């Protein structure tokens, strides 16, 4: 490399570029791709995963994988964009998970916020910071940042749920920490009747009954679970009457939908995805999406909206 005094005297740009590279410096005026652009790129793809496939694969895994090999028996729903094998949308990951009768998964904690939406089976439970929470279909349970959590099953058959975490965001920003509970399984300290870590389906339905549809037609009857549920993830239940169609919604917030009940179609940036109970739909940042309910339906959705709002990046059209 030239000394600074010699670098000052290079006679052409190619010579200057040759000197910058070994110094880990790039010329901002000659970068291959722009760092600023008029609106978000369409990087992640609209996508859908079918619960029928996930359930069948988990049932097979229940025969093939025990807790010695995988305490968390889960199937990652990764976005089919090139070179991605993990994230469902840029900041969030969803995964189908199953526990067999009599199994227990040891307690741990981590910096990513996490939640689970129960799909099938009764008799399983999660212990969150010492509180035992029973898991029933369509219940939503939270395991926020750095809360101890483990789970077990006293059911007669398998139990299934959908996990969602902001682990891709944590990977991007890098504050990932993880720790196993020193006792292996966290002791149960309480079995609460009411707890901020769980949103029981019967109470959510009662809240939906009291709501009115959005007068602008962007949503059906919609309630938020929490305010928000966690610092980086907001959760909603949205009820759509059969035959209704929502107005298109485009937002900088990433969204993941799971069908709680009913049938319908979501149209994302012109691409149609027909869904039913347990199916999962990914709506990446700044992609317009609308729903068409064929029968009475309820959609559970997870979004990084609180993150976008807190940073001043939330934009909404529709």
C-alpha atoms as a PDB file:
ATOM      1  CA  UNK A   1       0.000   0.000   0.000  1.00  0.00           C
ATOM      2  CA  UNK A   2       1.118   3.533  -0.698  1.00  0.00           C
ATOM      3  CA  UNK A   3       1.986   5.820   2.145  1.00  0.00           C
ATOM      4  CA  UNK A   4      -0.508   8.687   2.742  1.00  0.00           C
ATOM      5  CA  UNK A   5       1.783  11.202   1.022  1.00  0.00           C
ATOM      6  CA  UNK A   6       1.933   8.950  -2.043  1.00  0.00           C
ATOM      7  CA  UNK A   7      -1.785   8.228  -1.904  1.00  0.00           C
ATOM      8  CA  UNK A   8      -2.499  11.939  -2.252  1.00  0.00           C
ATOM      9  CA  UNK A   9      -0.762  11.929  -5.638  1.00  0.00           C
ATOM     10  CA  UNK A  10      -2.387   8.965  -7.433  1.00  0.00           C
ATOM     11  CA  UNK A  11      -3.194   9.955 -10.997  1.00  0.00           C
ATOM     12  CA  UNK A  12      -6.461   8.126 -11.766  1.00  0.00           C
ATOM     13  CA  UNK A  13      -9.517   6.650 -10.105  1.00  0.00           C
ATOM     14  CA  UNK A  14      -8.556   3.030 -10.758  1.00  0.00           C
ATOM     15  CA  UNK A  15      -5.337   3.561  -8.854  1.00  0.00           C
ATOM     16  CA  UNK A  16      -7.287   5.225  -6.044  1.00  0.00           C
ATOM     17  CA  UNK A  17      -9.759   2.320  -5.875  1.00  0.00           C
ATOM     18  CA  UNK A  18      -6.885  -0.180  -5.747  1.00  0.00           C
ATOM     19  CA  UNK A  19      -5.497   1.641  -2.728  1.00  0.00           C
ATOM     20  CA  UNK A  20      -8.852   1.904  -0.922  1.00  0.00           C
ATOM     21  CA  UNK A  21      -9.771  -1.798  -1.054  1.00  0.00           C
ATOM     22  CA  UNK A  22      -6.974  -3.156   1.185  1.00  0.00           C
ATOM     23  CA  UNK A  23      -7.829  -0.418   3.679  1.00  0.00           C
ATOM     24  CA  UNK A  24     -11.483  -1.676   3.841  1.00  0.00           C
ATOM     25  CA  UNK A  25     -12.699   1.596   2.333  1.00  0.00           C
ATOM     26  CA  UNK A  26     -15.134   1.942  -0.566  1.00  0.00           C
ATOM     27  CA  UNK A  27     -15.821   5.013  -2.653  1.00  0.00           C
ATOM     28  CA  UNK A  28     -19.389   6.054  -1.808  1.00  0.00           C
ATOM     29  CA  UNK A  29     -19.918   7.534  -5.242  1.00  0.00           C
ATOM     30  CA  UNK A  30     -19.078   4.209  -6.917  1.00  0.00           C
ATOM     31  CA  UNK A  31     -20.935   1.670  -4.721  1.00  0.00           C
ATOM     32  CA  UNK A  32     -22.560  -1.102  -6.792  1.00  0.00           C
ATOM     33  CA  UNK A  33     -26.042  -0.751  -5.226  1.00  0.00           C
ATOM     34  CA  UNK A  34     -27.705   2.320  -3.711  1.00  0.00           C
ATOM     35  CA  UNK A  35     -27.974   2.581   0.062  1.00  0.00           C
ATOM     36  CA  UNK A  36     -31.027   4.857  -0.178  1.00  0.00           C
ATOM     37  CA  UNK A  37     -34.060   4.160  -2.359  1.00  0.00           C
ATOM     38  CA  UNK A  38     -37.590   5.562  -2.787  1.00  0.00           C
ATOM     39  CA  UNK A  39     -39.426   2.677  -1.082  1.00  0.00           C
ATOM     40  CA  UNK A  40     -38.680  -0.767   0.409  1.00  0.00           C
ATOM     41  CA  UNK A  41     -37.303  -3.450  -1.872  1.00  0.00           C
ATOM     42  CA  UNK A  42     -39.417  -6.569  -2.389  1.00  0.00           C
ATOM     43  CA  UNK A  43     -36.910  -8.888  -0.764  1.00  0.00           C
ATOM     44  CA  UNK A  44     -38.977 -11.434   1.181  1.00  0.00           C
ATOM     45  CA  UNK A  45     -41.766 -13.205  -0.681  1.00  0.00           C
ATOM     46  CA  UNK A  46     -45.460 -13.648   0.057  1.00  0.00           C
ATOM     47  CA  UNK A  47     -45.836 -17.293   1.065  1.00  0.00           C
ATOM     48  CA  UNK A  48     -48.128 -19.838   2.704  1.00  0.00           C
ATOM     49  CA  UNK A  49     -47.629 -23.085   4.623  1.00  0.00           C
ATOM     50  CA  UNK A  50     -50.384 -25.680   4.972  1.00  0.00           C
ATOM     51  CA  UNK A  51     -51.175 -27.130   8.382  1.00  0.00           C
ATOM     52  CA  UNK A  52     -52.068 -30.475   6.784  1.00  0.00           C
ATOM     53  CA  UNK A  53     -48.431 -30.771   5.656  1.00  0.00           C
ATOM     54  CA  UNK A  54     -47.041 -29.553   8.971  1.00  0.00           C
ATOM     55  CA  UNK A  55     -49.199 -31.878  11.043  1.00  0.00           C
ATOM     56  CA  UNK A  56     -48.315 -34.910   8.931  1.00  0.00           C
ATOM     57  CA  UNK A  57     -44.596 -34.147   9.154  1.00  0.00           C
ATOM     58  CA  UNK A  58     -44.771 -33.601  12.926  1.00  0.00           C
ATOM     59  CA  UNK A  59     -46.662 -36.868  13.372  1.00  0.00           C
ATOM     60  CA  UNK A  60     -43.845 -38.625  11.534  1.00  0.00           C
ATOM     61  CA  UNK A  61     -41.271 -36.766  13.640  1.00  0.00           C
ATOM     62  CA  UNK A  62     -43.081 -37.955  16.773  1.00  0.00           C
ATOM     63  CA  UNK A  63     -42.147 -41.521  15.757  1.00  0.00           C
ATOM     64  CA  UNK A  64     -38.641 -40.689  14.589  1.00  0.00           C
ATOM     65  CA  UNK A  65     -37.335 -38.089  17.057  1.00  0.00           C
ATOM     66  CA  UNK A  66     -37.425 -38.294  20.845  1.00  0.00           C
ATOM     67  CA  UNK A  67     -36.589 -35.640  23.453  1.00  0.00           C
ATOM     68  CA  UNK A  68     -32.990 -36.808  23.637  1.00  0.00           C
ATOM     69  CA  UNK A  69     -32.482 -35.643  20.065  1.00  0.00           C
ATOM     70  CA  UNK A  70     -34.809 -32.622  20.006  1.00  0.00           C
ATOM     71  CA  UNK A  71     -36.592 -31.311  23.081  1.00  0.00           C
ATOM     72  CA  UNK A  72     -38.326 -28.750  20.888  1.00  0.00           C
ATOM     73  CA  UNK A  73     -39.702 -30.858  18.048  1.00  0.00           C
ATOM     74  CA  UNK A  74     -40.469 -28.098  15.546  1.00  0.00           C
ATOM     75  CA  UNK A  75     -40.669 -27.385  11.841  1.00  0.00           C
ATOM     76  CA  UNK A  76     -39.350 -24.005  10.694  1.00  0.00           C
ATOM     77  CA  UNK A  77     -41.511 -22.166   8.171  1.00  0.00           C
ATOM     78  CA  UNK A  78     -38.789 -20.390   6.203  1.00  0.00           C
ATOM     79  CA  UNK A  79     -39.492 -17.831   3.524  1.00  0.00           C
ATOM     80  CA  UNK A  80     -38.645 -19.228   0.063  1.00  0.00           C
ATOM     81  CA  UNK A  81     -36.513 -16.232  -0.873  1.00  0.00           C
ATOM     82  CA  UNK A  82     -33.061 -17.172  -2.168  1.00  0.00           C
ATOM     83  CA  UNK A  83     -30.350 -17.944   0.439  1.00  0.00           C
ATOM     84  CA  UNK A  84     -32.810 -17.954   3.363  1.00  0.00           C
ATOM     85  CA  UNK A  85     -33.331 -21.053   5.499  1.00  0.00           C
ATOM     86  CA  UNK A  86     -34.721 -19.565   8.698  1.00  0.00           C
ATOM     87  CA  UNK A  87     -36.780 -16.360   8.800  1.00  0.00           C
ATOM     88  CA  UNK A  88     -40.473 -16.413   7.862  1.00  0.00           C
ATOM     89  CA  UNK A  89     -40.407 -12.641   7.307  1.00  0.00           C
ATOM     90  CA  UNK A  90     -37.443 -10.345   7.847  1.00  0.00           C
ATOM     91  CA  UNK A  91     -37.841  -9.945  11.626  1.00  0.00           C
ATOM     92  CA  UNK A  92     -39.973 -12.953  12.661  1.00  0.00           C
ATOM     93  CA  UNK A  93     -39.907 -16.726  12.450  1.00  0.00           C
ATOM     94  CA  UNK A  94     -42.863 -19.109  12.752  1.00  0.00           C
ATOM     95  CA  UNK A  95     -42.656 -22.853  13.354  1.00  0.00           C
ATOM     96  CA  UNK A  96     -45.084 -25.715  13.837  1.00  0.00           C
ATOM     97  CA  UNK A  97     -44.315 -27.663  17.026  1.00  0.00           C
ATOM     98  CA  UNK A  98     -45.558 -30.858  18.677  1.00  0.00           C
ATOM     99  CA  UNK A  99     -45.210 -32.612  22.026  1.00  0.00           C
ATOM    100  CA  UNK A 100     -45.974 -36.277  22.639  1.00  0.00           C
ATOM    101  CA  UNK A 101     -47.876 -37.629  25.672  1.00  0.00           C
ATOM    102  CA  UNK A 102     -45.753 -37.690  28.810  1.00  0.00           C
ATOM    103  CA  UNK A 103     -42.928 -35.633  27.335  1.00  0.00           C
ATOM    104  CA  UNK A 104     -41.328 -32.629  29.014  1.00  0.00           C
ATOM    105  CA  UNK A 105     -39.082 -29.964  27.480  1.00  0.00           C
ATOM    106  CA  UNK A 106     -36.579 -28.463  29.888  1.00  0.00           C
ATOM    107  CA  UNK A 107     -36.848 -24.821  30.857  1.00  0.00           C
ATOM    108  CA  UNK A 108     -34.673 -22.160  29.275  1.00  0.00           C
ATOM    109  CA  UNK A 109     -34.710 -18.457  28.537  1.00  0.00           C
ATOM    110  CA  UNK A 110     -33.437 -16.248  25.733  1.00  0.00           C
ATOM    111  CA  UNK A 111     -33.463 -12.667  24.554  1.00  0.00           C
ATOM    112  CA  UNK A 112     -35.856 -13.220  21.626  1.00  0.00           C
ATOM    113  CA  UNK A 113     -39.510 -12.642  22.476  1.00  0.00           C
ATOM    114  CA  UNK A 114     -41.669 -15.670  21.746  1.00  0.00           C
ATOM    115  CA  UNK A 115     -45.275 -16.803  21.717  1.00  0.00           C
ATOM    116  CA  UNK A 116     -47.329 -19.848  20.832  1.00  0.00           C
ATOM    117  CA  UNK A 117     -50.734 -20.266  19.230  1.00  0.00           C
ATOM    118  CA  UNK A 118     -52.294 -23.606  20.157  1.00  0.00           C
ATOM    119  CA  UNK A 119     -53.593 -25.636  17.223  1.00  0.00           C
ATOM    120  CA  UNK A 120     -54.665 -29.010  18.534  1.00  0.00           C
ATOM    121  CA  UNK A 121     -54.895 -31.133  21.679  1.00  0.00           C
ATOM    122  CA  UNK A 122     -55.569 -30.570  25.369  1.00  0.00           C
ATOM    123  CA  UNK A 123     -53.517 -31.649  28.359  1.00  0.00           C
ATOM    124  CA  UNK A 124     -50.266 -29.868  27.558  1.00  0.00           C
ATOM    125  CA  UNK A 125     -48.981 -26.871  29.501  1.00  0.00           C
ATOM    126  CA  UNK A 126     -46.246 -24.249  29.614  1.00  0.00           C
ATOM    127  CA  UNK A 127     -44.495 -23.009  32.762  1.00  0.00           C
ATOM    128  CA  UNK A 128     -43.531 -19.335  32.382  1.00  0.00           C
ATOM    129  CA  UNK A 129     -41.532 -17.814  35.245  1.00  0.00           C
ATOM    130  CA  UNK A 130     -42.963 -20.406  37.622  1.00  0.00           C
ATOM    131  CA  UNK A 131     -46.585 -20.079  36.488  1.00  0.00           C
ATOM    132  CA  UNK A 132     -48.193 -23.176  35.001  1.00  0.00           C
ATOM    133  CA  UNK A 133     -50.475 -22.276  32.084  1.00  0.00           C
ATOM    134  CA  UNK A 134     -52.759 -24.885  30.509  1.00  0.00           C
ATOM    135  CA  UNK A 135     -52.768 -24.848  26.699  1.00  0.00           C
ATOM    136  CA  UNK A 136     -56.027 -25.300  24.810  1.00  0.00           C
ATOM    137  CA  UNK A 137     -56.846 -24.852  21.103  1.00  0.00           C
ATOM    138  CA  UNK A 138     -56.673 -21.230  19.909  1.00  0.00           C
ATOM    139  CA  UNK A 139     -55.158 -20.001  23.192  1.00  0.00           C
ATOM    140  CA  UNK A 140     -52.199 -17.628  22.787  1.00  0.00           C
ATOM    141  CA  UNK A 141     -49.320 -17.829  25.279  1.00  0.00           C
ATOM    142  CA  UNK A 142     -46.395 -15.436  25.692  1.00  0.00           C
ATOM    143  CA  UNK A 143     -42.810 -16.115  26.704  1.00  0.00           C
ATOM    144  CA  UNK A 144     -41.315 -12.617  26.636  1.00  0.00           C
ATOM    145  CA  UNK A 145     -37.639 -11.731  26.530  1.00  0.00           C
ATOM    146  CA  UNK A 146     -35.636 -13.493  29.289  1.00  0.00           C
ATOM    147  CA  UNK A 147     -38.615 -15.265  30.909  1.00  0.00           C
ATOM    148  CA  UNK A 148     -37.968 -18.862  31.938  1.00  0.00           C
ATOM    149  CA  UNK A 149     -40.209 -21.269  30.038  1.00  0.00           C
ATOM    150  CA  UNK A 150     -40.568 -25.003  29.551  1.00  0.00           C
ATOM    151  CA  UNK A 151     -43.480 -27.227  28.694  1.00  0.00           C
ATOM    152  CA  UNK A 152     -44.874 -30.688  29.195  1.00  0.00           C
ATOM    153  CA  UNK A 153     -47.796 -32.910  28.341  1.00  0.00           C
ATOM    154  CA  UNK A 154     -50.227 -34.919  30.432  1.00  0.00           C
ATOM    155  CA  UNK A 155     -52.431 -35.497  27.396  1.00  0.00           C
ATOM    156  CA  UNK A 156     -53.491 -38.836  25.951  1.00  0.00           C
ATOM    157  CA  UNK A 157     -52.393 -37.842  22.463  1.00  0.00           C
ATOM    158  CA  UNK A 158     -50.054 -35.393  20.708  1.00  0.00           C
ATOM    159  CA  UNK A 159     -50.507 -31.638  21.133  1.00  0.00           C
ATOM    160  CA  UNK A 160     -49.615 -29.156  18.404  1.00  0.00           C
ATOM    161  CA  UNK A 161     -49.037 -25.415  18.230  1.00  0.00           C
ATOM    162  CA  UNK A 162     -47.492 -22.615  16.192  1.00  0.00           C
ATOM    163  CA  UNK A 163     -44.473 -20.784  17.601  1.00  0.00           C
ATOM    164  CA  UNK A 164     -43.436 -17.263  16.653  1.00  0.00           C
ATOM    165  CA  UNK A 165     -40.234 -15.491  17.731  1.00  0.00           C
ATOM    166  CA  UNK A 166     -38.381 -12.304  16.837  1.00  0.00           C
ATOM    167  CA  UNK A 167     -35.152 -14.341  16.632  1.00  0.00           C
ATOM    168  CA  UNK A 168     -34.312 -13.102  13.093  1.00  0.00           C
ATOM    169  CA  UNK A 169     -34.394  -9.543  14.448  1.00  0.00           C
ATOM    170  CA  UNK A 170     -32.183 -10.588  17.363  1.00  0.00           C
ATOM    171  CA  UNK A 171     -29.731 -12.207  14.954  1.00  0.00           C
ATOM    172  CA  UNK A 172     -29.621  -9.016  12.891  1.00  0.00           C
ATOM    173  CA  UNK A 173     -29.034  -6.708  15.869  1.00  0.00           C
ATOM    174  CA  UNK A 174     -26.850  -9.356  17.615  1.00  0.00           C
ATOM    175  CA  UNK A 175     -27.930  -9.241  21.323  1.00  0.00           C
ATOM    176  CA  UNK A 176     -28.584 -13.008  21.409  1.00  0.00           C
ATOM    177  CA  UNK A 177     -28.312 -14.627  24.842  1.00  0.00           C
ATOM    178  CA  UNK A 178     -29.575 -18.068  25.850  1.00  0.00           C
ATOM    179  CA  UNK A 179     -29.486 -19.972  29.127  1.00  0.00           C
ATOM    180  CA  UNK A 180     -30.723 -23.349  30.383  1.00  0.00           C
ATOM    181  CA  UNK A 181     -32.517 -23.398  33.741  1.00  0.00           C
ATOM    182  CA  UNK A 182     -30.115 -24.596  36.474  1.00  0.00           C
ATOM    183  CA  UNK A 183     -32.742 -27.022  37.808  1.00  0.00           C
ATOM    184  CA  UNK A 184     -33.492 -28.451  34.372  1.00  0.00           C
ATOM    185  CA  UNK A 185     -37.253 -28.065  34.782  1.00  0.00           C
ATOM    186  CA  UNK A 186     -38.397 -24.854  36.427  1.00  0.00           C
ATOM    187  CA  UNK A 187     -40.495 -25.635  39.528  1.00  0.00           C
ATOM    188  CA  UNK A 188     -44.159 -24.640  39.393  1.00  0.00           C
ATOM    189  CA  UNK A 189     -44.797 -21.816  41.857  1.00  0.00           C
ATOM    190  CA  UNK A 190     -48.411 -21.005  40.946  1.00  0.00           C
ATOM    191  CA  UNK A 191     -51.360 -22.094  38.824  1.00  0.00           C
ATOM    192  CA  UNK A 192     -53.043 -18.728  38.201  1.00  0.00           C
ATOM    193  CA  UNK A 193     -56.661 -18.169  37.178  1.00  0.00           C
ATOM    194  CA  UNK A 194     -55.624 -15.014  35.351  1.00  0.00           C
ATOM    195  CA  UNK A 195     -52.183 -14.254  33.944  1.00  0.00           C
ATOM    196  CA  UNK A 196     -50.734 -11.668  31.521  1.00  0.00           C
ATOM    197  CA  UNK A 197     -48.840 -14.455  29.740  1.00  0.00           C
ATOM    198  CA  UNK A 198     -51.978 -16.101  28.328  1.00  0.00           C
ATOM    199  CA  UNK A 199     -54.951 -15.034  26.204  1.00  0.00           C
ATOM    200  CA  UNK A 200     -57.602 -17.781  26.494  1.00  0.00           C
ATOM    201  CA  UNK A 201     -59.714 -18.356  23.409  1.00  0.00           C
ATOM    202  CA  UNK A 202     -63.042 -18.002  25.222  1.00  0.00           C
ATOM    203  CA  UNK A 203     -62.115 -14.545  26.517  1.00  0.00           C
ATOM    204  CA  UNK A 204     -60.805 -13.464  23.109  1.00  0.00           C
ATOM    205  CA  UNK A 205     -64.046 -14.575  21.466  1.00  0.00           C
ATOM    206  CA  UNK A 206     -66.055 -12.605  24.024  1.00  0.00           C
ATOM    207  CA  UNK A 207     -63.980  -9.516  23.166  1.00  0.00           C
ATOM    208  CA  UNK A 208     -64.578 -10.067  19.447  1.00  0.00           C
ATOM    209  CA  UNK A 209     -68.327 -10.314  20.094  1.00  0.00           C
ATOM    210  CA  UNK A 210     -68.247  -6.789  21.539  1.00  0.00           C
ATOM    211  CA  UNK A 211     -66.275  -5.294  18.656  1.00  0.00           C
ATOM    212  CA  UNK A 212     -67.697  -3.696  15.526  1.00  0.00           C
ATOM    213  CA  UNK A 213     -66.159  -4.111  12.052  1.00  0.00           C
ATOM    214  CA  UNK A 214     -63.806  -1.378  10.916  1.00  0.00           C
ATOM    215  CA  UNK A 215     -66.006   1.250   9.185  1.00  0.00           C
ATOM    216  CA  UNK A 216     -63.356   1.736   6.492  1.00  0.00           C
ATOM    217  CA  UNK A 217     -63.426  -1.962   5.640  1.00  0.00           C
ATOM    218  CA  UNK A 218     -59.703  -2.499   6.219  1.00  0.00           C
ATOM    219  CA  UNK A 219     -60.377  -5.046   8.987  1.00  0.00           C
ATOM    220  CA  UNK A 220     -63.228  -7.180  10.219  1.00  0.00           C
ATOM    221  CA  UNK A 221     -63.972  -7.317  13.937  1.00  0.00           C
ATOM    222  CA  UNK A 222     -60.487  -6.995  15.421  1.00  0.00           C
ATOM    223  CA  UNK A 223     -59.031  -7.009  18.937  1.00  0.00           C
ATOM    224  CA  UNK A 224     -55.439  -6.576  20.014  1.00  0.00           C
ATOM    225  CA  UNK A 225     -54.012  -9.054  22.515  1.00  0.00           C
ATOM    226  CA  UNK A 226     -51.993  -6.861  24.864  1.00  0.00           C
ATOM    227  CA  UNK A 227     -51.055  -3.263  24.266  1.00  0.00           C
ATOM    228  CA  UNK A 228     -48.874  -4.484  22.619  1.00  0.00           C
ATOM    229  CA  UNK A 229     -48.237  -8.079  23.722  1.00  0.00           C
ATOM    230  CA  UNK A 230     -44.452  -7.598  23.626  1.00  0.00           C
ATOM    231  CA  UNK A 231     -42.073  -4.750  22.813  1.00  0.00           C
ATOM    232  CA  UNK A 232     -41.377  -5.959  19.279  1.00  0.00           C
ATOM    233  CA  UNK A 233     -44.488  -8.017  18.472  1.00  0.00           C
ATOM    234  CA  UNK A 234     -48.153  -7.026  18.373  1.00  0.00           C
ATOM    235  CA  UNK A 235     -50.878  -9.677  18.240  1.00  0.00           C
ATOM    236  CA  UNK A 236     -54.404  -9.442  16.860  1.00  0.00           C
ATOM    237  CA  UNK A 237     -57.453 -11.640  16.387  1.00  0.00           C
ATOM    238  CA  UNK A 238     -59.619 -10.649  13.453  1.00  0.00           C
ATOM    239  CA  UNK A 239     -63.065 -12.069  12.727  1.00  0.00           C
ATOM    240  CA  UNK A 240     -64.404 -12.002   9.188  1.00  0.00           C
ATOM    241  CA  UNK A 241     -67.970 -12.859   8.257  1.00  0.00           C
ATOM    242  CA  UNK A 242     -68.428 -15.245   5.348  1.00  0.00           C
ATOM    243  CA  UNK A 243     -68.635 -13.419   2.033  1.00  0.00           C
ATOM    244  CA  UNK A 244     -66.833 -10.298   3.230  1.00  0.00           C
ATOM    245  CA  UNK A 245     -63.719  -8.789   1.681  1.00  0.00           C
ATOM    246  CA  UNK A 246     -61.331  -6.390   3.365  1.00  0.00           C
ATOM    247  CA  UNK A 247     -59.819  -3.348   1.697  1.00  0.00           C
ATOM    248  CA  UNK A 248     -56.138  -3.688   0.740  1.00  0.00           C
ATOM    249  CA  UNK A 249     -53.664  -2.853   3.509  1.00  0.00           C
ATOM    250  CA  UNK A 250     -50.023  -2.002   2.846  1.00  0.00           C
ATOM    251  CA  UNK A 251     -47.696  -1.322   5.742  1.00  0.00           C
ATOM    252  CA  UNK A 252     -43.984  -1.302   6.539  1.00  0.00           C
ATOM    253  CA  UNK A 253     -44.736  -3.759   9.352  1.00  0.00           C
ATOM    254  CA  UNK A 254     -44.128  -7.430   8.562  1.00  0.00           C
ATOM    255  CA  UNK A 255     -47.125  -9.681   9.191  1.00  0.00           C
ATOM    256  CA  UNK A 256     -47.699 -13.400   9.757  1.00  0.00           C
ATOM    257  CA  UNK A 257     -51.277 -14.705   9.744  1.00  0.00           C
ATOM    258  CA  UNK A 258     -52.559 -18.037  11.054  1.00  0.00           C
ATOM    259  CA  UNK A 259     -56.101 -19.220  10.434  1.00  0.00           C
ATOM    260  CA  UNK A 260     -57.888 -19.962  13.703  1.00  0.00           C
ATOM    261  CA  UNK A 261     -61.140 -21.040  12.053  1.00  0.00           C
ATOM    262  CA  UNK A 262     -63.013 -20.875   8.757  1.00  0.00           C
ATOM    263  CA  UNK A 263     -61.845 -20.674   5.146  1.00  0.00           C
ATOM    264  CA  UNK A 264     -60.906 -17.899   2.784  1.00  0.00           C
ATOM    265  CA  UNK A 265     -58.265 -16.385   0.540  1.00  0.00           C
ATOM    266  CA  UNK A 266     -55.599 -13.745   1.128  1.00  0.00           C
ATOM    267  CA  UNK A 267     -54.377 -11.785  -1.885  1.00  0.00           C
ATOM    268  CA  UNK A 268     -50.841 -10.432  -1.395  1.00  0.00           C
ATOM    269  CA  UNK A 269     -49.470  -8.145  -4.082  1.00  0.00           C
ATOM    270  CA  UNK A 270     -51.720  -9.842  -6.641  1.00  0.00           C
ATOM    271  CA  UNK A 271     -50.914 -13.425  -5.560  1.00  0.00           C
ATOM    272  CA  UNK A 272     -53.738 -15.531  -4.051  1.00  0.00           C
ATOM    273  CA  UNK A 273     -53.399 -17.928  -1.107  1.00  0.00           C
ATOM    274  CA  UNK A 274     -56.418 -20.049  -0.116  1.00  0.00           C
ATOM    275  CA  UNK A 275     -56.358 -20.941   3.583  1.00  0.00           C
ATOM    276  CA  UNK A 276     -58.116 -23.004   6.217  1.00  0.00           C
ATOM    277  CA  UNK A 277     -57.610 -23.898   9.898  1.00  0.00           C
ATOM    278  CA  UNK A 278     -53.918 -23.873  10.920  1.00  0.00           C
ATOM    279  CA  UNK A 279     -52.492 -22.548   7.648  1.00  0.00           C
ATOM    280  CA  UNK A 280     -49.888 -19.776   7.928  1.00  0.00           C
ATOM    281  CA  UNK A 281     -49.469 -16.804   5.566  1.00  0.00           C
ATOM    282  CA  UNK A 282     -46.473 -14.443   5.356  1.00  0.00           C
ATOM    283  CA  UNK A 283     -47.013 -10.825   4.295  1.00  0.00           C
ATOM    284  CA  UNK A 284     -43.625  -9.083   4.021  1.00  0.00           C
ATOM    285  CA  UNK A 285     -42.982  -5.371   4.465  1.00  0.00           C
ATOM    286  CA  UNK A 286     -44.793  -3.008   2.075  1.00  0.00           C
ATOM    287  CA  UNK A 287     -46.759  -5.709   0.245  1.00  0.00           C
ATOM    288  CA  UNK A 288     -50.490  -4.902  -0.099  1.00  0.00           C
ATOM    289  CA  UNK A 289     -52.771  -7.627   1.273  1.00  0.00           C
ATOM    290  CA  UNK A 290     -56.511  -8.169   1.497  1.00  0.00           C
ATOM    291  CA  UNK A 291     -58.673 -11.020   2.817  1.00  0.00           C
ATOM    292  CA  UNK A 292     -61.747 -12.680   1.320  1.00  0.00           C
ATOM    293  CA  UNK A 293     -63.675 -14.895   3.729  1.00  0.00           C
ATOM    294  CA  UNK A 294     -65.546 -17.794   2.141  1.00  0.00           C
ATOM    295  CA  UNK A 295     -67.067 -18.882   5.468  1.00  0.00           C
ATOM    296  CA  UNK A 296     -67.122 -17.179   8.871  1.00  0.00           C
ATOM    297  CA  UNK A 297     -63.434 -17.040   9.773  1.00  0.00           C
ATOM    298  CA  UNK A 298     -60.981 -15.802  12.382  1.00  0.00           C
ATOM    299  CA  UNK A 299     -57.370 -14.910  11.613  1.00  0.00           C
ATOM    300  CA  UNK A 300     -54.660 -14.656  14.263  1.00  0.00           C
ATOM    301  CA  UNK A 301     -51.888 -12.310  13.260  1.00  0.00           C
ATOM    302  CA  UNK A 302     -48.421 -11.450  14.496  1.00  0.00           C
ATOM    303  CA  UNK A 303     -46.591  -8.298  13.414  1.00  0.00           C
ATOM    304  CA  UNK A 304     -43.485  -6.256  14.192  1.00  0.00           C
ATOM    305  CA  UNK A 305     -45.659  -3.132  14.165  1.00  0.00           C
ATOM    306  CA  UNK A 306     -44.506  -1.964  17.674  1.00  0.00           C
ATOM    307  CA  UNK A 307     -40.896  -2.062  16.514  1.00  0.00           C
ATOM    308  CA  UNK A 308     -41.627  -0.034  13.392  1.00  0.00           C
ATOM    309  CA  UNK A 309     -43.685   2.453  15.381  1.00  0.00           C
ATOM    310  CA  UNK A 310     -41.070   2.929  18.102  1.00  0.00           C
ATOM    311  CA  UNK A 311     -38.402   3.689  15.487  1.00  0.00           C
ATOM    312  CA  UNK A 312     -40.633   6.071  13.559  1.00  0.00           C
ATOM    313  CA  UNK A 313     -40.670   3.746  10.523  1.00  0.00           C
ATOM    314  CA  UNK A 314     -44.315   2.683  10.544  1.00  0.00           C
ATOM    315  CA  UNK A 315     -46.163   3.694   7.384  1.00  0.00           C
ATOM    316  CA  UNK A 316     -49.633   2.458   6.537  1.00  0.00           C
ATOM    317  CA  UNK A 317     -51.682   2.684   3.358  1.00  0.00           C
ATOM    318  CA  UNK A 318     -55.276   1.512   3.533  1.00  0.00           C
END
